[in-house]
Structures are given as C-alpha cells and as structure tokens.
PDB file of N, CA and C in Angstrom:
ATOM      1  N   MET A   1      59.300  54.616 149.459  1.00  0.00           N
ATOM      2  CA  MET A   1      58.738  55.138 148.225  1.00  0.00           C
ATOM      3  C   MET A   1      59.871  55.350 147.215  1.00  0.00           C
ATOM      4  N   LEU A   2      59.682  54.836 146.015  1.00  0.00           N
ATOM      5  CA  LEU A   2      60.690  55.000 144.972  1.00  0.00           C
ATOM      6  C   LEU A   2      60.523  56.322 144.246  1.00  0.00           C
ATOM      7  N   SER A   3      61.608  56.778 143.695  1.00  0.00           N
ATOM      8  CA  SER A   3      61.605  58.002 142.908  1.00  0.00           C
ATOM      9  C   SER A   3      60.732  57.819 141.666  1.00  0.00           C
ATOM     10  N   SER A   4      60.218  58.897 141.156  1.00  0.00           N
ATOM     11  CA  SER A   4      59.391  58.828 139.946  1.00  0.00           C
ATOM     12  C   SER A   4      60.228  58.504 138.713  1.00  0.00           C
ATOM     13  N   ASP A   5      61.558  58.483 138.850  1.00  0.00           N
ATOM     14  CA  ASP A   5      62.438  58.115 137.738  1.00  0.00           C
ATOM     15  C   ASP A   5      62.359  56.624 137.411  1.00  0.00           C
ATOM     16  N   PHE A   6      61.902  55.831 138.357  1.00  0.00           N
ATOM     17  CA  PHE A   6      61.799  54.395 138.152  1.00  0.00           C
ATOM     18  C   PHE A   6      60.525  54.057 137.394  1.00  0.00           C
ATOM     19  N   VAL A   7      60.612  52.989 136.594  1.00  0.00           N
ATOM     20  CA  VAL A   7      59.406  52.510 135.914  1.00  0.00           C
ATOM     21  C   VAL A   7      58.559  51.754 136.930  1.00  0.00           C
ATOM     22  N   PRO A   8      57.265  51.584 136.667  1.00  0.00           N
ATOM     23  CA  PRO A   8      56.412  50.828 137.586  1.00  0.00           C
ATOM     24  C   PRO A   8      56.913  49.387 137.752  1.00  0.00           C
ATOM     25  N   TRP A   9      56.789  48.858 138.946  1.00  0.00           N
ATOM     26  CA  TRP A   9      57.282  47.510 139.215  1.00  0.00           C
ATOM     27  C   TRP A   9      56.589  46.484 138.329  1.00  0.00           C
ATOM     28  N   GLU A  10      55.338  46.737 137.964  1.00  0.00           N
ATOM     29  CA  GLU A  10      54.609  45.799 137.116  1.00  0.00           C
ATOM     30  C   GLU A  10      55.288  45.634 135.753  1.00  0.00           C
ATOM     31  N   LEU A  11      55.864  46.703 135.243  1.00  0.00           N
ATOM     32  CA  LEU A  11      56.565  46.646 133.961  1.00  0.00           C
ATOM     33  C   LEU A  11      57.840  45.812 134.086  1.00  0.00           C
ATOM     34  N   VAL A  12      58.559  46.014 135.163  1.00  0.00           N
ATOM     35  CA  VAL A  12      59.774  45.220 135.407  1.00  0.00           C
ATOM     36  C   VAL A  12      59.410  43.750 135.526  1.00  0.00           C
ATOM     37  N   TYR A  13      58.367  43.443 136.276  1.00  0.00           N
ATOM     38  CA  TYR A  13      57.935  42.062 136.466  1.00  0.00           C
ATOM     39  C   TYR A  13      57.479  41.442 135.144  1.00  0.00           C
ATOM     40  N   TYR A  14      56.778  42.208 134.337  1.00  0.00           N
ATOM     41  CA  TYR A  14      56.322  41.725 133.031  1.00  0.00           C
ATOM     42  C   TYR A  14      57.507  41.260 132.183  1.00  0.00           C
ATOM     43  N   TYR A  15      58.513  42.104 132.081  1.00  0.00           N
ATOM     44  CA  TYR A  15      59.674  41.743 131.264  1.00  0.00           C
ATOM     45  C   TYR A  15      60.472  40.605 131.890  1.00  0.00           C
ATOM     46  N   TYR A  16      60.587  40.581 133.202  1.00  0.00           N
ATOM     47  CA  TYR A  16      61.280  39.471 133.863  1.00  0.00           C
ATOM     48  C   TYR A  16      60.596  38.147 133.526  1.00  0.00           C
ATOM     49  N   ARG A  17      59.269  38.115 133.646  1.00  0.00           N
ATOM     50  CA  ARG A  17      58.525  36.886 133.352  1.00  0.00           C
ATOM     51  C   ARG A  17      58.660  36.494 131.881  1.00  0.00           C
ATOM     52  N   LYS A  18      58.556  37.488 131.010  1.00  0.00           N
ATOM     53  CA  LYS A  18      58.657  37.235 129.571  1.00  0.00           C
ATOM     54  C   LYS A  18      60.038  36.685 129.212  1.00  0.00           C
ATOM     55  N   TRP A  19      61.081  37.338 129.696  1.00  0.00           N
ATOM     56  CA  TRP A  19      62.441  36.914 129.385  1.00  0.00           C
ATOM     57  C   TRP A  19      62.775  35.587 130.049  1.00  0.00           C
ATOM     58  N   SER A  20      62.255  35.358 131.249  1.00  0.00           N
ATOM     59  CA  SER A  20      62.507  34.089 131.930  1.00  0.00           C
ATOM     60  C   SER A  20      61.880  32.934 131.160  1.00  0.00           C
ATOM     61  N   PHE A  21      60.683  33.140 130.656  1.00  0.00           N
ATOM     62  CA  PHE A  21      59.984  32.093 129.913  1.00  0.00           C
ATOM     63  C   PHE A  21      60.782  31.679 128.686  1.00  0.00           C
ATOM     64  N   TRP A  22      61.344  32.619 127.986  1.00  0.00           N
ATOM     65  CA  TRP A  22      62.096  32.337 126.766  1.00  0.00           C
ATOM     66  C   TRP A  22      63.571  32.034 127.043  1.00  0.00           C
ATOM     67  N   GLY A  23      64.006  32.101 128.293  1.00  0.00           N
ATOM     68  CA  GLY A  23      65.399  31.817 128.625  1.00  0.00           C
ATOM     69  C   GLY A  23      66.320  33.004 128.413  1.00  0.00           C
ATOM     70  N   GLU A  24      65.756  34.137 128.057  1.00  0.00           N
ATOM     71  CA  GLU A  24      66.571  35.321 127.782  1.00  0.00           C
ATOM     72  C   GLU A  24      67.214  35.879 129.048  1.00  0.00           C
ATOM     73  N   PHE A  25      66.520  35.786 130.172  1.00  0.00           N
ATOM     74  CA  PHE A  25      67.065  36.321 131.414  1.00  0.00           C
ATOM     75  C   PHE A  25      68.314  35.545 131.814  1.00  0.00           C
ATOM     76  N   ASP A  26      68.276  34.227 131.678  1.00  0.00           N
ATOM     77  CA  ASP A  26      69.457  33.405 131.975  1.00  0.00           C
ATOM     78  C   ASP A  26      70.607  33.741 131.036  1.00  0.00           C
ATOM     79  N   LEU A  27      70.303  33.938 129.767  1.00  0.00           N
ATOM     80  CA  LEU A  27      71.327  34.311 128.793  1.00  0.00           C
ATOM     81  C   LEU A  27      71.952  35.648 129.160  1.00  0.00           C
ATOM     82  N   LEU A  28      71.123  36.601 129.541  1.00  0.00           N
ATOM     83  CA  LEU A  28      71.609  37.915 129.959  1.00  0.00           C
ATOM     84  C   LEU A  28      72.535  37.796 131.166  1.00  0.00           C
ATOM     85  N   LEU A  29      72.122  37.042 132.174  1.00  0.00           N
ATOM     86  CA  LEU A  29      72.951  36.877 133.371  1.00  0.00           C
ATOM     87  C   LEU A  29      74.253  36.149 133.061  1.00  0.00           C
ATOM     88  N   ASN A  30      74.191  35.134 132.216  1.00  0.00           N
ATOM     89  CA  ASN A  30      75.411  34.404 131.849  1.00  0.00           C
ATOM     90  C   ASN A  30      76.393  35.300 131.115  1.00  0.00           C
ATOM     91  N   ASN A  31      75.890  36.101 130.187  1.00  0.00           N
ATOM     92  CA  ASN A  31      76.766  37.020 129.454  1.00  0.00           C
ATOM     93  C   ASN A  31      77.369  38.066 130.376  1.00  0.00           C
ATOM     94  N   LEU A  32      76.576  38.588 131.282  1.00  0.00           N
ATOM     95  CA  LEU A  32      77.069  39.579 132.234  1.00  0.00           C
ATOM     96  C   LEU A  32      78.119  38.967 133.155  1.00  0.00           C
ATOM     97  N   ARG A  33      77.862  37.770 133.638  1.00  0.00           N
ATOM     98  CA  ARG A  33      78.814  37.077 134.516  1.00  0.00           C
ATOM     99  C   ARG A  33      80.137  36.845 133.796  1.00  0.00           C
ATOM    100  N   GLU A  34      80.071  36.413 132.548  1.00  0.00           N
ATOM    101  CA  GLU A  34      81.285  36.170 131.766  1.00  0.00           C
ATOM    102  C   GLU A  34      82.060  37.465 131.549  1.00  0.00           C
ATOM    103  N   LYS A  35      81.355  38.537 131.241  1.00  0.00           N
ATOM    104  CA  LYS A  35      82.018  39.825 131.014  1.00  0.00           C
ATOM    105  C   LYS A  35      82.739  40.301 132.280  1.00  0.00           C
ATOM    106  N   VAL A  36      82.088  40.190 133.409  1.00  0.00           N
ATOM    107  CA  VAL A  36      82.697  40.616 134.671  1.00  0.00           C
ATOM    108  C   VAL A  36      83.895  39.736 135.000  1.00  0.00           C
ATOM    109  N   ARG A  37      83.759  38.424 134.776  1.00  0.00           N
ATOM    110  CA  ARG A  37      84.861  37.507 135.063  1.00  0.00           C
ATOM    111  C   ARG A  37      86.085  37.850 134.218  1.00  0.00           C
ATOM    112  N   VAL A  38      85.884  38.109 132.942  1.00  0.00           N
ATOM    113  CA  VAL A  38      86.995  38.444 132.043  1.00  0.00           C
ATOM    114  C   VAL A  38      87.635  39.765 132.453  1.00  0.00           C
ATOM    115  N   GLU A  39      86.825  40.742 132.818  1.00  0.00           N
ATOM    116  CA  GLU A  39      87.365  42.049 133.215  1.00  0.00           C
ATOM    117  C   GLU A  39      88.167  41.971 134.509  1.00  0.00           C
ATOM    118  N   MET A  40      87.845  41.006 135.371  1.00  0.00           N
ATOM    119  CA  MET A  40      88.544  40.890 136.650  1.00  0.00           C
ATOM    120  C   MET A  40      89.865  40.136 136.522  1.00  0.00           C
ATOM    121  N   GLU A  41      90.083  39.479 135.408  1.00  0.00           N
ATOM    122  CA  GLU A  41      91.329  38.712 135.223  1.00  0.00           C
ATOM    123  C   GLU A  41      92.506  39.615 134.972  1.00  0.00           C
TER     124      GLU A  41
END
C-alpha cells in the first residue's frame, strides 16, 4: 500500500501516455541523462 502522499497511479499513467505520444517523455529522459552524464565528468 502506498502512502497517501502519492498521486493516484491513474494520473501518473495518464501523463506518461500523453507525454509518450508527443515524444516529451523521451525528451525528458534524454535531458536528464545528459545532465547526469555532465555532472559525473
């Protein structure tokens, strides 16, 4: 059971599907990956 601090899973799934459709999720992951890579150098 998750804490009540978390949003409902349906909301997370909704945004994941929406962002994936528009390519935003990939853009987010690419930017995050680049930021982590630069910080580790």
